[in-house]
Amino acid sequence: LESYYNESTSGGAFTRIVKSFFQKGPGIVYGAVL
């Protein structure tokens, strides 16, 4: 339901996952960029 939905391909699940990941503490994320 957040604004990043419009910047996602489908429902914004990936952003939810990394949000959950960082809420647990510091970490590193790897992903594909253009």
PDB file of all heavy atoms in Angstrom:
ATOM      1  N   LEU A   1       0.828  -1.203   0.000  1.00  0.00           N
ATOM      2  CA  LEU A   1       0.000   0.000   0.000  1.00  0.00           C
ATOM      3  C   LEU A   1       0.865   1.258   0.000  1.00  0.00           C
ATOM      4  O   LEU A   1       0.346   2.370  -0.009  1.00  0.00           O
ATOM      5  CB  LEU A   1      -0.904   0.012   1.248  1.00  0.00           C
ATOM      6  CG  LEU A   1      -1.915  -1.134   1.355  1.00  0.00           C
ATOM      7  CD1 LEU A   1      -2.637  -1.075   2.697  1.00  0.00           C
ATOM      8  CD2 LEU A   1      -2.906  -1.087   0.220  1.00  0.00           C
ATOM      9  N   GLU A   2       2.173   1.067  -0.003  1.00  0.00           N
ATOM     10  CA  GLU A   2       3.076   2.207   0.075  1.00  0.00           C
ATOM     11  C   GLU A   2       3.454   2.711  -1.314  1.00  0.00           C
ATOM     12  O   GLU A   2       3.197   2.065  -2.327  1.00  0.00           O
ATOM     13  CB  GLU A   2       4.323   1.827   0.878  1.00  0.00           C
ATOM     14  CG  GLU A   2       4.004   1.450   2.319  1.00  0.00           C
ATOM     15  CD  GLU A   2       5.249   1.288   3.165  1.00  0.00           C
ATOM     16  OE1 GLU A   2       6.072   2.220   3.186  1.00  0.00           O
ATOM     17  OE2 GLU A   2       5.391   0.245   3.800  1.00  0.00           O
ATOM     18  N   SER A   3       4.096   3.886  -1.342  1.00  0.00           N
ATOM     19  CA  SER A   3       4.392   4.552  -2.615  1.00  0.00           C
ATOM     20  C   SER A   3       5.312   3.739  -3.500  1.00  0.00           C
ATOM     21  O   SER A   3       5.274   3.864  -4.730  1.00  0.00           O
ATOM     22  CB  SER A   3       5.024   5.924  -2.342  1.00  0.00           C
ATOM     23  OG  SER A   3       6.218   5.791  -1.592  1.00  0.00           O
ATOM     24  N   TYR A   4       6.155   2.889  -2.912  1.00  0.00           N
ATOM     25  CA  TYR A   4       7.095   2.137  -3.738  1.00  0.00           C
ATOM     26  C   TYR A   4       6.405   1.088  -4.608  1.00  0.00           C
ATOM     27  O   TYR A   4       7.029   0.505  -5.487  1.00  0.00           O
ATOM     28  CB  TYR A   4       8.212   1.502  -2.916  1.00  0.00           C
ATOM     29  CG  TYR A   4       7.791   0.583  -1.784  1.00  0.00           C
ATOM     30  CD1 TYR A   4       7.166  -0.630  -2.031  1.00  0.00           C
ATOM     31  CD2 TYR A   4       8.054   0.909  -0.452  1.00  0.00           C
ATOM     32  CE1 TYR A   4       6.803  -1.483  -1.012  1.00  0.00           C
ATOM     33  CE2 TYR A   4       7.696   0.056   0.581  1.00  0.00           C
ATOM     34  CZ  TYR A   4       7.070  -1.132   0.287  1.00  0.00           C
ATOM     35  OH  TYR A   4       6.711  -1.983   1.296  1.00  0.00           O
ATOM     36  N   TYR A   5       5.114   0.859  -4.379  1.00  0.00           N
ATOM     37  CA  TYR A   5       4.368  -0.061  -5.251  1.00  0.00           C
ATOM     38  C   TYR A   5       4.437   0.400  -6.702  1.00  0.00           C
ATOM     39  O   TYR A   5       4.608  -0.411  -7.625  1.00  0.00           O
ATOM     40  CB  TYR A   5       2.913  -0.158  -4.790  1.00  0.00           C
ATOM     41  CG  TYR A   5       1.993  -0.761  -5.827  1.00  0.00           C
ATOM     42  CD1 TYR A   5       1.969  -2.136  -6.038  1.00  0.00           C
ATOM     43  CD2 TYR A   5       1.166   0.037  -6.615  1.00  0.00           C
ATOM     44  CE1 TYR A   5       1.146  -2.697  -7.004  1.00  0.00           C
ATOM     45  CE2 TYR A   5       0.343  -0.512  -7.574  1.00  0.00           C
ATOM     46  CZ  TYR A   5       0.335  -1.874  -7.763  1.00  0.00           C
ATOM     47  OH  TYR A   5      -0.480  -2.426  -8.725  1.00  0.00           O
ATOM     48  N   ASN A   6       4.296   1.711  -6.921  1.00  0.00           N
ATOM     49  CA  ASN A   6       4.295   2.238  -8.287  1.00  0.00           C
ATOM     50  C   ASN A   6       5.649   2.115  -8.965  1.00  0.00           C
ATOM     51  O   ASN A   6       5.741   2.184 -10.191  1.00  0.00           O
ATOM     52  CB  ASN A   6       3.863   3.709  -8.272  1.00  0.00           C
ATOM     53  CG  ASN A   6       2.408   3.879  -7.901  1.00  0.00           C
ATOM     54  OD1 ASN A   6       1.570   3.066  -8.289  1.00  0.00           O
ATOM     55  ND2 ASN A   6       2.095   4.915  -7.147  1.00  0.00           N
ATOM     56  N   GLU A   7       6.712   1.948  -8.176  1.00  0.00           N
ATOM     57  CA  GLU A   7       8.054   1.812  -8.731  1.00  0.00           C
ATOM     58  C   GLU A   7       8.487   0.351  -8.809  1.00  0.00           C
ATOM     59  O   GLU A   7       9.655   0.069  -9.104  1.00  0.00           O
ATOM     60  CB  GLU A   7       9.041   2.605  -7.884  1.00  0.00           C
ATOM     61  CG  GLU A   7       8.738   4.100  -7.810  1.00  0.00           C
ATOM     62  CD  GLU A   7       8.712   4.747  -9.181  1.00  0.00           C
ATOM     63  OE1 GLU A   7       9.555   4.379 -10.022  1.00  0.00           O
ATOM     64  OE2 GLU A   7       7.848   5.604  -9.422  1.00  0.00           O
ATOM     65  N   SER A   8       7.566  -0.555  -8.555  1.00  0.00           N
ATOM     66  CA  SER A   8       7.860  -1.984  -8.599  1.00  0.00           C
ATOM     67  C   SER A   8       7.167  -2.611  -9.794  1.00  0.00           C
ATOM     68  O   SER A   8       6.169  -2.089 -10.296  1.00  0.00           O
ATOM     69  CB  SER A   8       7.389  -2.670  -7.310  1.00  0.00           C
ATOM     70  OG  SER A   8       7.999  -2.084  -6.173  1.00  0.00           O
ATOM     71  N   THR A   9       7.684  -3.753 -10.249  1.00  0.00           N
ATOM     72  CA  THR A   9       7.089  -4.421 -11.396  1.00  0.00           C
ATOM     73  C   THR A   9       5.710  -4.969 -11.075  1.00  0.00           C
ATOM     74  O   THR A   9       4.775  -4.825 -11.854  1.00  0.00           O
ATOM     75  CB  THR A   9       8.007  -5.570 -11.875  1.00  0.00           C
ATOM     76  OG1 THR A   9       9.235  -5.008 -12.327  1.00  0.00           O
ATOM     77  CG2 THR A   9       7.361  -6.333 -13.027  1.00  0.00           C
ATOM     78  N   SER A  10       5.564  -5.617  -9.919  1.00  0.00           N
ATOM     79  CA  SER A  10       4.270  -6.189  -9.573  1.00  0.00           C
ATOM     80  C   SER A  10       3.763  -5.607  -8.264  1.00  0.00           C
ATOM     81  O   SER A  10       3.358  -4.448  -8.212  1.00  0.00           O
ATOM     82  CB  SER A  10       4.354  -7.720  -9.535  1.00  0.00           C
ATOM     83  OG  SER A  10       5.453  -8.165  -8.763  1.00  0.00           O
ATOM     84  N   GLY A  11       3.831  -6.371  -7.160  1.00  0.00           N
ATOM     85  CA  GLY A  11       3.215  -5.906  -5.924  1.00  0.00           C
ATOM     86  C   GLY A  11       4.144  -5.292  -4.903  1.00  0.00           C
ATOM     87  O   GLY A  11       3.712  -4.900  -3.819  1.00  0.00           O
ATOM     88  N   GLY A  12       5.430  -5.193  -5.202  1.00  0.00           N
ATOM     89  CA  GLY A  12       6.373  -4.593  -4.269  1.00  0.00           C
ATOM     90  C   GLY A  12       6.887  -5.541  -3.201  1.00  0.00           C
ATOM     91  O   GLY A  12       7.385  -5.098  -2.164  1.00  0.00           O
ATOM     92  N   ALA A  13       6.804  -6.854  -3.437  1.00  0.00           N
ATOM     93  CA  ALA A  13       7.221  -7.822  -2.423  1.00  0.00           C
ATOM     94  C   ALA A  13       8.720  -7.760  -2.135  1.00  0.00           C
ATOM     95  O   ALA A  13       9.138  -7.944  -0.988  1.00  0.00           O
ATOM     96  CB  ALA A  13       6.830  -9.234  -2.841  1.00  0.00           C
ATOM     97  N   PHE A  14       9.521  -7.520  -3.154  1.00  0.00           N
ATOM     98  CA  PHE A  14      10.962  -7.472  -2.912  1.00  0.00           C
ATOM     99  C   PHE A  14      11.310  -6.371  -1.920  1.00  0.00           C
ATOM    100  O   PHE A  14      12.155  -6.557  -1.027  1.00  0.00           O
ATOM    101  CB  PHE A  14      11.732  -7.263  -4.216  1.00  0.00           C
ATOM    102  CG  PHE A  14      13.221  -7.151  -4.022  1.00  0.00           C
ATOM    103  CD1 PHE A  14      13.981  -8.283  -3.768  1.00  0.00           C
ATOM    104  CD2 PHE A  14      13.862  -5.921  -4.057  1.00  0.00           C
ATOM    105  CE1 PHE A  14      15.358  -8.193  -3.563  1.00  0.00           C
ATOM    106  CE2 PHE A  14      15.233  -5.820  -3.849  1.00  0.00           C
ATOM    107  CZ  PHE A  14      15.980  -6.964  -3.610  1.00  0.00           C
ATOM    108  N   THR A  15      10.663  -5.223  -2.054  1.00  0.00           N
ATOM    109  CA  THR A  15      10.932  -4.130  -1.134  1.00  0.00           C
ATOM    110  C   THR A  15      10.513  -4.504   0.280  1.00  0.00           C
ATOM    111  O   THR A  15      11.183  -4.157   1.251  1.00  0.00           O
ATOM    112  CB  THR A  15      10.206  -2.850  -1.589  1.00  0.00           C
ATOM    113  OG1 THR A  15      10.625  -2.534  -2.921  1.00  0.00           O
ATOM    114  CG2 THR A  15      10.552  -1.676  -0.691  1.00  0.00           C
ATOM    115  N   ARG A  16       9.407  -5.230   0.417  1.00  0.00           N
ATOM    116  CA  ARG A  16       8.997  -5.704   1.738  1.00  0.00           C
ATOM    117  C   ARG A  16      10.069  -6.613   2.335  1.00  0.00           C
ATOM    118  O   ARG A  16      10.376  -6.544   3.518  1.00  0.00           O
ATOM    119  CB  ARG A  16       7.674  -6.464   1.656  1.00  0.00           C
ATOM    120  CG  ARG A  16       7.290  -7.119   2.996  1.00  0.00           C
ATOM    121  CD  ARG A  16       6.106  -8.070   2.845  1.00  0.00           C
ATOM    122  NE  ARG A  16       5.982  -8.915   4.018  1.00  0.00           N
ATOM    123  CZ  ARG A  16       5.145  -8.686   5.025  1.00  0.00           C
ATOM    124  NH1 ARG A  16       4.382  -7.619   5.009  1.00  0.00           N
ATOM    125  NH2 ARG A  16       5.085  -9.509   6.058  1.00  0.00           N
ATOM    126  N   ILE A  17      10.638  -7.464   1.509  1.00  0.00           N
ATOM    127  CA  ILE A  17      11.639  -8.423   1.995  1.00  0.00           C
ATOM    128  C   ILE A  17      12.890  -7.704   2.485  1.00  0.00           C
ATOM    129  O   ILE A  17      13.407  -8.002   3.574  1.00  0.00           O
ATOM    130  CB  ILE A  17      11.982  -9.434   0.886  1.00  0.00           C
ATOM    131  CG1 ILE A  17      10.785 -10.360   0.651  1.00  0.00           C
ATOM    132  CG2 ILE A  17      13.226 -10.249   1.247  1.00  0.00           C
ATOM    133  CD1 ILE A  17      10.905 -11.199  -0.601  1.00  0.00           C
ATOM    134  N   VAL A  18      13.410  -6.753   1.695  1.00  0.00           N
ATOM    135  CA  VAL A  18      14.620  -6.058   2.135  1.00  0.00           C
ATOM    136  C   VAL A  18      14.313  -5.136   3.312  1.00  0.00           C
ATOM    137  O   VAL A  18      15.182  -4.901   4.167  1.00  0.00           O
ATOM    138  CB  VAL A  18      15.298  -5.285   0.982  1.00  0.00           C
ATOM    139  CG1 VAL A  18      15.800  -6.248  -0.074  1.00  0.00           C
ATOM    140  CG2 VAL A  18      14.379  -4.261   0.356  1.00  0.00           C
ATOM    141  N   LYS A  19      13.090  -4.647   3.388  1.00  0.00           N
ATOM    142  CA  LYS A  19      12.688  -3.847   4.551  1.00  0.00           C
ATOM    143  C   LYS A  19      12.747  -4.708   5.809  1.00  0.00           C
ATOM    144  O   LYS A  19      13.291  -4.292   6.840  1.00  0.00           O
ATOM    145  CB  LYS A  19      11.273  -3.318   4.330  1.00  0.00           C
ATOM    146  CG  LYS A  19      10.683  -2.540   5.501  1.00  0.00           C
ATOM    147  CD  LYS A  19       9.270  -2.100   5.157  1.00  0.00           C
ATOM    148  CE  LYS A  19       8.611  -1.375   6.316  1.00  0.00           C
ATOM    149  NZ  LYS A  19       7.217  -0.974   5.974  1.00  0.00           N
ATOM    150  N   SER A  20      12.204  -5.920   5.704  1.00  0.00           N
ATOM    151  CA  SER A  20      12.254  -6.859   6.819  1.00  0.00           C
ATOM    152  C   SER A  20      13.690  -7.198   7.176  1.00  0.00           C
ATOM    153  O   SER A  20      14.065  -7.265   8.360  1.00  0.00           O
ATOM    154  CB  SER A  20      11.480  -8.136   6.455  1.00  0.00           C
ATOM    155  OG  SER A  20      11.690  -9.156   7.403  1.00  0.00           O
ATOM    156  N   PHE A  21      14.510  -7.393   6.151  1.00  0.00           N
ATOM    157  CA  PHE A  21      15.915  -7.754   6.351  1.00  0.00           C
ATOM    158  C   PHE A  21      16.649  -6.681   7.145  1.00  0.00           C
ATOM    159  O   PHE A  21      17.366  -6.978   8.119  1.00  0.00           O
ATOM    160  CB  PHE A  21      16.572  -7.968   4.988  1.00  0.00           C
ATOM    161  CG  PHE A  21      18.034  -8.275   5.023  1.00  0.00           C
ATOM    162  CD1 PHE A  21      18.493  -9.528   5.377  1.00  0.00           C
ATOM    163  CD2 PHE A  21      18.971  -7.298   4.691  1.00  0.00           C
ATOM    164  CE1 PHE A  21      19.854  -9.822   5.408  1.00  0.00           C
ATOM    165  CE2 PHE A  21      20.326  -7.575   4.715  1.00  0.00           C
ATOM    166  CZ  PHE A  21      20.769  -8.842   5.082  1.00  0.00           C
ATOM    167  N   PHE A  22      16.483  -5.416   6.759  1.00  0.00           N
ATOM    168  CA  PHE A  22      17.205  -4.339   7.427  1.00  0.00           C
ATOM    169  C   PHE A  22      16.612  -3.994   8.791  1.00  0.00           C
ATOM    170  O   PHE A  22      17.322  -3.445   9.643  1.00  0.00           O
ATOM    171  CB  PHE A  22      17.250  -3.091   6.539  1.00  0.00           C
ATOM    172  CG  PHE A  22      18.290  -3.150   5.459  1.00  0.00           C
ATOM    173  CD1 PHE A  22      17.928  -3.214   4.120  1.00  0.00           C
ATOM    174  CD2 PHE A  22      19.636  -3.141   5.778  1.00  0.00           C
ATOM    175  CE1 PHE A  22      18.890  -3.266   3.126  1.00  0.00           C
ATOM    176  CE2 PHE A  22      20.610  -3.199   4.790  1.00  0.00           C
ATOM    177  CZ  PHE A  22      20.234  -3.259   3.468  1.00  0.00           C
ATOM    178  N   GLN A  23      15.342  -4.298   9.013  1.00  0.00           N
ATOM    179  CA  GLN A  23      14.774  -4.051  10.322  1.00  0.00           C
ATOM    180  C   GLN A  23      15.357  -4.978  11.384  1.00  0.00           C
ATOM    181  O   GLN A  23      15.271  -4.699  12.578  1.00  0.00           O
ATOM    182  CB  GLN A  23      13.250  -4.174  10.283  1.00  0.00           C
ATOM    183  CG  GLN A  23      12.575  -2.977   9.629  1.00  0.00           C
ATOM    184  CD  GLN A  23      11.072  -2.979   9.782  1.00  0.00           C
ATOM    185  OE1 GLN A  23      10.472  -4.014  10.076  1.00  0.00           O
ATOM    186  NE2 GLN A  23      10.462  -1.823   9.596  1.00  0.00           N
ATOM    187  N   LYS A  24      15.949  -6.057  10.954  1.00  0.00           N
ATOM    188  CA  LYS A  24      16.598  -6.977  11.893  1.00  0.00           C
ATOM    189  C   LYS A  24      18.003  -6.515  12.265  1.00  0.00           C
ATOM    190  O   LYS A  24      18.625  -7.088  13.156  1.00  0.00           O
ATOM    191  CB  LYS A  24      16.669  -8.378  11.287  1.00  0.00           C
ATOM    192  CG  LYS A  24      15.335  -9.075  11.205  1.00  0.00           C
ATOM    193  CD  LYS A  24      15.503 -10.494  10.696  1.00  0.00           C
ATOM    194  CE  LYS A  24      14.176 -11.236  10.684  1.00  0.00           C
ATOM    195  NZ  LYS A  24      14.327 -12.630  10.197  1.00  0.00           N
ATOM    196  N   GLY A  25      18.516  -5.511  11.558  1.00  0.00           N
ATOM    197  CA  GLY A  25      19.854  -5.011  11.853  1.00  0.00           C
ATOM    198  C   GLY A  25      20.643  -4.755  10.590  1.00  0.00           C
ATOM    199  O   GLY A  25      20.144  -4.953   9.469  1.00  0.00           O
ATOM    200  N   PRO A  26      21.891  -4.306  10.738  1.00  0.00           N
ATOM    201  CA  PRO A  26      22.742  -4.016   9.580  1.00  0.00           C
ATOM    202  C   PRO A  26      22.938  -5.259   8.704  1.00  0.00           C
ATOM    203  O   PRO A  26      22.932  -6.390   9.189  1.00  0.00           O
ATOM    204  CB  PRO A  26      24.068  -3.573  10.218  1.00  0.00           C
ATOM    205  CG  PRO A  26      23.706  -3.154  11.599  1.00  0.00           C
ATOM    206  CD  PRO A  26      22.573  -4.040  12.014  1.00  0.00           C
ATOM    207  N   GLY A  27      23.118  -5.020   7.425  1.00  0.00           N
ATOM    208  CA  GLY A  27      23.351  -6.124   6.509  1.00  0.00           C
ATOM    209  C   GLY A  27      23.757  -5.617   5.144  1.00  0.00           C
ATOM    210  O   GLY A  27      23.848  -4.411   4.898  1.00  0.00           O
ATOM    211  N   ILE A  28      23.983  -6.557   4.234  1.00  0.00           N
ATOM    212  CA  ILE A  28      24.384  -6.254   2.862  1.00  0.00           C
ATOM    213  C   ILE A  28      23.400  -6.924   1.911  1.00  0.00           C
ATOM    214  O   ILE A  28      23.040  -8.091   2.098  1.00  0.00           O
ATOM    215  CB  ILE A  28      25.808  -6.768   2.569  1.00  0.00           C
ATOM    216  CG1 ILE A  28      26.811  -6.196   3.574  1.00  0.00           C
ATOM    217  CG2 ILE A  28      26.207  -6.433   1.135  1.00  0.00           C
ATOM    218  CD1 ILE A  28      26.965  -4.689   3.527  1.00  0.00           C
ATOM    219  N   VAL A  29      22.977  -6.198   0.875  1.00  0.00           N
ATOM    220  CA  VAL A  29      22.056  -6.744  -0.122  1.00  0.00           C
ATOM    221  C   VAL A  29      22.709  -6.666  -1.499  1.00  0.00           C
ATOM    222  O   VAL A  29      23.297  -5.645  -1.866  1.00  0.00           O
ATOM    223  CB  VAL A  29      20.710  -5.990  -0.132  1.00  0.00           C
ATOM    224  CG1 VAL A  29      19.814  -6.487  -1.266  1.00  0.00           C
ATOM    225  CG2 VAL A  29      19.994  -6.150   1.207  1.00  0.00           C
ATOM    226  N   TYR A  30      22.598  -7.748  -2.251  1.00  0.00           N
ATOM    227  CA  TYR A  30      23.081  -7.808  -3.633  1.00  0.00           C
ATOM    228  C   TYR A  30      21.887  -7.999  -4.566  1.00  0.00           C
ATOM    229  O   TYR A  30      20.996  -8.820  -4.291  1.00  0.00           O
ATOM    230  CB  TYR A  30      24.044  -8.979  -3.825  1.00  0.00           C
ATOM    231  CG  TYR A  30      25.371  -8.825  -3.126  1.00  0.00           C
ATOM    232  CD1 TYR A  30      25.534  -9.202  -1.792  1.00  0.00           C
ATOM    233  CD2 TYR A  30      26.479  -8.300  -3.800  1.00  0.00           C
ATOM    234  CE1 TYR A  30      26.755  -9.065  -1.149  1.00  0.00           C
ATOM    235  CE2 TYR A  30      27.709  -8.162  -3.163  1.00  0.00           C
ATOM    236  CZ  TYR A  30      27.837  -8.547  -1.834  1.00  0.00           C
ATOM    237  OH  TYR A  30      29.041  -8.402  -1.203  1.00  0.00           O
ATOM    238  N   GLY A  31      21.872  -7.252  -5.665  1.00  0.00           N
ATOM    239  CA  GLY A  31      20.809  -7.400  -6.644  1.00  0.00           C
ATOM    240  C   GLY A  31      21.213  -6.824  -7.987  1.00  0.00           C
ATOM    241  O   GLY A  31      22.287  -6.217  -8.128  1.00  0.00           O
ATOM    242  N   ALA A  32      20.345  -6.998  -8.975  1.00  0.00           N
ATOM    243  CA  ALA A  32      20.640  -6.548 -10.341  1.00  0.00           C
ATOM    244  C   ALA A  32      20.199  -5.104 -10.545  1.00  0.00           C
ATOM    245  O   ALA A  32      19.093  -4.713 -10.154  1.00  0.00           O
ATOM    246  CB  ALA A  32      19.944  -7.450 -11.354  1.00  0.00           C
ATOM    247  N   VAL A  33      21.079  -4.324 -11.163  1.00  0.00           N
ATOM    248  CA  VAL A  33      20.781  -2.925 -11.472  1.00  0.00           C
ATOM    249  C   VAL A  33      20.987  -2.679 -12.963  1.00  0.00           C
ATOM    250  O   VAL A  33      21.761  -3.385 -13.622  1.00  0.00           O
ATOM    251  CB  VAL A  33      21.676  -1.961 -10.661  1.00  0.00           C
ATOM    252  CG1 VAL A  33      21.517  -2.196  -9.170  1.00  0.00           C
ATOM    253  CG2 VAL A  33      23.144  -2.084 -11.072  1.00  0.00           C
ATOM    254  N   LEU A  34      20.301  -1.674 -13.473  1.00  0.00           N
ATOM    255  CA  LEU A  34      20.565  -1.146 -14.809  1.00  0.00           C
ATOM    256  C   LEU A  34      21.357   0.131 -14.579  1.00  0.00           C
ATOM    257  O   LEU A  34      20.797   1.152 -14.168  1.00  0.00           O
ATOM    258  CB  LEU A  34      19.258  -0.866 -15.555  1.00  0.00           C
ATOM    259  CG  LEU A  34      19.380  -0.335 -16.990  1.00  0.00           C
ATOM    260  CD1 LEU A  34      20.015  -1.387 -17.897  1.00  0.00           C
ATOM    261  CD2 LEU A  34      18.016   0.068 -17.535  1.00  0.00           C
TER     262      LEU A  34
END
